[in-house]
Amino acid sequence: MTPHPKRKLSKGRRDRRRAHDALPKPHLITCPQCKQLRPPHTVCPHCGTYRGREVVEIEETGKS
């Protein structure tokens, strides 16, 4: 049999323990070419450029 707590944990004590469980906001920078937000040190998913030159070709998909 596993042990059980003798007293109920108060909401304040429970919530203080969970204070560090929130996920951090992602760090984003603006792309110098298309001005969209992207993670640093990655190819821009919107325009396909990295450090001022085009690395990946992005195909334009139109809505039909």
C-alpha atoms as a PDB file:
ATOM      1  CA  MET A   1       0.000   0.000   0.000  1.00  0.00           C
ATOM      2  CA  THR A   2       1.261   3.439  -0.828  1.00  0.00           C
ATOM      3  CA  PRO A   3       1.326   6.243   1.750  1.00  0.00           C
ATOM      4  CA  HIS A   4      -1.350   8.923   1.671  1.00  0.00           C
ATOM      5  CA  PRO A   5      -1.049  12.552   2.769  1.00  0.00           C
ATOM      6  CA  LYS A   6      -2.255  13.234   6.296  1.00  0.00           C
ATOM      7  CA  ARG A   7      -3.512  16.750   5.487  1.00  0.00           C
ATOM      8  CA  LYS A   8      -5.019  18.409   2.455  1.00  0.00           C
ATOM      9  CA  LEU A   9      -2.522  20.604   0.576  1.00  0.00           C
ATOM     10  CA  SER A  10      -3.812  24.171   0.492  1.00  0.00           C
ATOM     11  CA  LYS A  11      -4.429  25.870  -2.859  1.00  0.00           C
ATOM     12  CA  GLY A  12      -1.770  28.476  -2.149  1.00  0.00           C
ATOM     13  CA  ARG A  13       0.917  25.894  -1.394  1.00  0.00           C
ATOM     14  CA  ARG A  14      -0.082  23.845  -4.429  1.00  0.00           C
ATOM     15  CA  ASP A  15      -0.049  26.879  -6.728  1.00  0.00           C
ATOM     16  CA  ARG A  16       3.313  28.111  -5.399  1.00  0.00           C
ATOM     17  CA  ARG A  17       4.806  24.755  -6.301  1.00  0.00           C
ATOM     18  CA  ARG A  18       3.382  25.078  -9.821  1.00  0.00           C
ATOM     19  CA  ALA A  19       4.628  28.653 -10.284  1.00  0.00           C
ATOM     20  CA  HIS A  20       7.516  27.493 -12.501  1.00  0.00           C
ATOM     21  CA  ASP A  21       5.492  25.071 -14.646  1.00  0.00           C
ATOM     22  CA  ALA A  22       4.381  27.651 -17.234  1.00  0.00           C
ATOM     23  CA  LEU A  23       5.982  27.445 -20.670  1.00  0.00           C
ATOM     24  CA  PRO A  24       8.221  30.386 -21.592  1.00  0.00           C
ATOM     25  CA  LYS A  25       7.250  32.636 -24.480  1.00  0.00           C
ATOM     26  CA  PRO A  26       9.253  31.861 -27.641  1.00  0.00           C
ATOM     27  CA  HIS A  27      11.924  34.432 -28.484  1.00  0.00           C
ATOM     28  CA  LEU A  28      11.117  35.881 -31.916  1.00  0.00           C
ATOM     29  CA  ILE A  29      12.876  38.447 -34.088  1.00  0.00           C
ATOM     30  CA  THR A  30      11.705  40.261 -37.220  1.00  0.00           C
ATOM     31  CA  CYS A  31      13.010  39.111 -40.592  1.00  0.00           C
ATOM     32  CA  PRO A  32      14.866  41.965 -42.322  1.00  0.00           C
ATOM     33  CA  GLN A  33      13.424  41.028 -45.745  1.00  0.00           C
ATOM     34  CA  CYS A  34       9.725  40.318 -45.127  1.00  0.00           C
ATOM     35  CA  LYS A  35       9.305  41.856 -41.623  1.00  0.00           C
ATOM     36  CA  GLN A  36       7.580  38.707 -40.293  1.00  0.00           C
ATOM     37  CA  LEU A  37       8.416  37.191 -36.903  1.00  0.00           C
ATOM     38  CA  ARG A  38      10.725  34.171 -36.881  1.00  0.00           C
ATOM     39  CA  PRO A  39      12.970  32.340 -34.372  1.00  0.00           C
ATOM     40  CA  PRO A  40      16.590  33.538 -34.314  1.00  0.00           C
ATOM     41  CA  HIS A  41      19.315  31.607 -36.202  1.00  0.00           C
ATOM     42  CA  THR A  42      16.785  29.891 -38.502  1.00  0.00           C
ATOM     43  CA  VAL A  43      15.653  30.238 -42.109  1.00  0.00           C
ATOM     44  CA  CYS A  44      12.613  32.484 -42.372  1.00  0.00           C
ATOM     45  CA  PRO A  45       9.578  30.247 -43.019  1.00  0.00           C
ATOM     46  CA  HIS A  46       7.798  33.084 -44.875  1.00  0.00           C
ATOM     47  CA  CYS A  47      10.406  34.235 -47.407  1.00  0.00           C
ATOM     48  CA  GLY A  48      13.104  31.507 -47.177  1.00  0.00           C
ATOM     49  CA  THR A  49      16.064  33.826 -46.513  1.00  0.00           C
ATOM     50  CA  TYR A  50      18.877  33.492 -44.000  1.00  0.00           C
ATOM     51  CA  ARG A  51      21.510  36.161 -43.341  1.00  0.00           C
ATOM     52  CA  GLY A  52      20.480  38.227 -46.359  1.00  0.00           C
ATOM     53  CA  ARG A  53      20.418  35.523 -49.039  1.00  0.00           C
ATOM     54  CA  GLU A  54      17.719  33.156 -50.251  1.00  0.00           C
ATOM     55  CA  VAL A  55      18.337  29.643 -48.987  1.00  0.00           C
ATOM     56  CA  VAL A  56      14.989  27.923 -49.525  1.00  0.00           C
ATOM     57  CA  GLU A  57      12.507  28.563 -52.302  1.00  0.00           C
ATOM     58  CA  ILE A  58       9.014  29.143 -50.940  1.00  0.00           C
ATOM     59  CA  GLU A  59       6.196  28.204 -53.296  1.00  0.00           C
ATOM     60  CA  GLU A  60       3.195  30.527 -53.327  1.00  0.00           C
ATOM     61  CA  THR A  61       0.008  28.509 -52.819  1.00  0.00           C
ATOM     62  CA  GLY A  62      -3.126  30.316 -53.926  1.00  0.00           C
ATOM     63  CA  LYS A  63      -6.571  29.583 -52.524  1.00  0.00           C
ATOM     64  CA  SER A  64      -8.885  28.089 -55.119  1.00  0.00           C
END
